[in-house]
C-alpha cells in the first residue's frame, strides 16, 4: 500500500495526467434527430442512439469529418469521433429530411 501511495505522489508531482474524452449523444426518434444542432470540441465523441422503431443510416460527407454508420438497427448506438474543426452536416441516408448540424470547435 505504501508503494502505491508513493507511486501516486510521484505521478502527480511529475505532472502526469490522464485525459478522458468527453462524449455527447444524439438520439433519433420519429425520423428526426433529438437536436437540430450541437457543438462539441475537436477530438470529442458524438454517440448516435437509435431510439426509433426503424433503422437509420447516419452519415456525413463533410471533408475532414466523413463517416457512414451504415444501417443502424433500433436500439443501437454508434460513436463517432470528430477530429477537424468546422461545421459538419449530418444526415440520414434513408430519411432525407433528417438533418443535423455539428459545430466542432478547437
Protein backbone atom coordinates (compact mmCIF):
# COMPACT_ATOMS: atom_id res chain seq x y z
CA UNK A 1 0.00 0.00 0.00
CA UNK A 2 2.84 2.37 0.86
CA UNK A 3 4.49 1.69 -2.53
CA UNK A 4 1.24 2.54 -4.34
CA UNK A 5 0.91 5.81 -2.41
CA UNK A 6 4.47 6.78 -3.31
CA UNK A 7 3.81 5.97 -7.00
CA UNK A 8 0.70 8.17 -7.00
CA UNK A 9 2.58 11.08 -5.41
CA UNK A 10 5.42 10.74 -7.94
CA UNK A 11 2.96 10.59 -10.86
CA UNK A 12 1.10 13.65 -9.58
CA UNK A 13 4.29 15.60 -8.91
CA UNK A 14 5.66 14.84 -12.38
CA UNK A 15 2.55 16.30 -13.98
CA UNK A 16 1.19 13.03 -15.36
CA UNK A 17 -2.44 13.49 -16.27
CA UNK A 18 -4.90 11.01 -17.69
CA UNK A 19 -7.29 12.72 -20.10
CA UNK A 20 -10.76 11.36 -20.64
CA UNK A 21 -12.53 12.20 -23.89
CA UNK A 22 -15.94 13.74 -23.48
CA UNK A 23 -18.96 12.25 -25.21
CA UNK A 24 -22.20 13.87 -26.33
CA UNK A 25 -25.18 11.87 -27.53
CA UNK A 26 -27.91 12.47 -30.07
CA UNK A 27 -30.90 10.21 -30.45
CA UNK A 28 -33.15 9.56 -33.40
CA UNK A 29 -36.87 9.10 -32.93
CA UNK A 30 -39.85 9.82 -35.16
CA UNK A 31 -37.49 10.15 -38.14
CA UNK A 32 -35.78 13.14 -36.51
CA UNK A 33 -32.64 13.91 -34.51
CA UNK A 34 -33.20 14.95 -30.89
CA UNK A 35 -31.33 18.22 -31.65
CA UNK A 36 -31.05 20.20 -34.86
CA UNK A 37 -27.59 21.44 -33.85
CA UNK A 38 -24.88 20.53 -31.32
CA UNK A 39 -21.43 21.89 -30.51
CA UNK A 40 -18.51 19.70 -29.47
CA UNK A 41 -14.74 20.13 -29.23
CA UNK A 42 -12.30 18.64 -31.73
CA UNK A 43 -11.48 15.05 -30.73
CA UNK A 44 -14.68 14.56 -28.74
CA UNK A 45 -17.08 11.74 -29.46
CA UNK A 46 -20.66 12.09 -30.59
CA UNK A 47 -22.76 8.98 -29.92
CA UNK A 48 -25.74 8.39 -32.20
CA UNK A 49 -28.50 6.41 -30.44
CA UNK A 50 -31.37 4.94 -32.45
CA UNK A 51 -34.39 5.28 -30.14
CA UNK A 52 -36.70 4.82 -33.12
CA UNK A 53 -38.54 1.66 -34.16
CA UNK A 54 -36.98 1.79 -37.65
CA UNK A 55 -33.41 1.65 -38.99
CA UNK A 56 -31.38 4.77 -39.78
CA UNK A 57 -28.12 5.34 -41.70
CA UNK A 58 -26.37 8.30 -40.12
CA UNK A 59 -23.57 9.81 -42.19
CA UNK A 60 -21.54 12.90 -43.08
CA UNK A 61 -19.69 13.77 -46.27
CA UNK A 62 -18.17 16.94 -44.77
CA UNK A 63 -14.45 17.00 -45.64
CA UNK A 64 -12.29 16.01 -42.66
CA UNK A 65 -15.21 14.54 -40.73
CA UNK A 66 -16.61 11.94 -43.16
CA UNK A 67 -18.35 8.90 -41.69
CA UNK A 68 -21.09 6.43 -42.57
CA UNK A 69 -22.58 4.30 -39.81
CA UNK A 70 -24.43 2.03 -42.23
CA UNK A 71 -27.76 0.57 -41.24
CA UNK A 72 -28.27 1.27 -37.55
CA UNK A 73 -30.93 -1.00 -36.07
CA UNK A 74 -33.43 0.20 -33.45
CA UNK A 75 -31.77 0.27 -30.03
CA UNK A 76 -28.24 0.51 -31.44
CA UNK A 77 -25.74 3.21 -30.52
CA UNK A 78 -22.68 4.19 -32.54
CA UNK A 79 -19.86 6.54 -31.51
CA UNK A 80 -18.16 8.93 -33.95
CA UNK A 81 -15.08 10.98 -33.06
CA UNK A 82 -14.81 14.25 -34.97
CA UNK A 83 -11.22 15.44 -35.43
CA UNK A 84 -11.49 18.50 -37.68
CA UNK A 85 -12.85 21.86 -36.55
CA UNK A 86 -15.70 23.40 -38.52
CA UNK A 87 -19.33 22.82 -39.43
CA UNK A 88 -20.32 19.20 -40.05
CA UNK A 89 -23.52 18.33 -41.89
CA UNK A 90 -25.04 15.09 -40.58
CA UNK A 91 -27.95 13.33 -42.23
CA UNK A 92 -29.77 10.03 -42.52
CA UNK A 93 -29.21 8.41 -45.91
CA UNK A 94 -32.58 6.63 -45.56
CA UNK A 95 -34.68 9.62 -44.44
CA UNK A 96 -33.51 12.76 -46.32
CA UNK A 97 -35.44 15.18 -44.07
CA UNK A 98 -33.32 14.07 -41.08
CA UNK A 99 -30.53 16.65 -40.83
CA UNK A 100 -28.33 17.90 -38.04
CA UNK A 101 -25.51 20.44 -37.84
CA UNK A 102 -22.48 19.77 -35.64
CA UNK A 103 -20.10 22.61 -34.83
CA UNK A 104 -16.65 21.26 -33.98
CA UNK A 105 -14.54 23.82 -32.13
CA UNK A 106 -10.83 23.91 -31.38
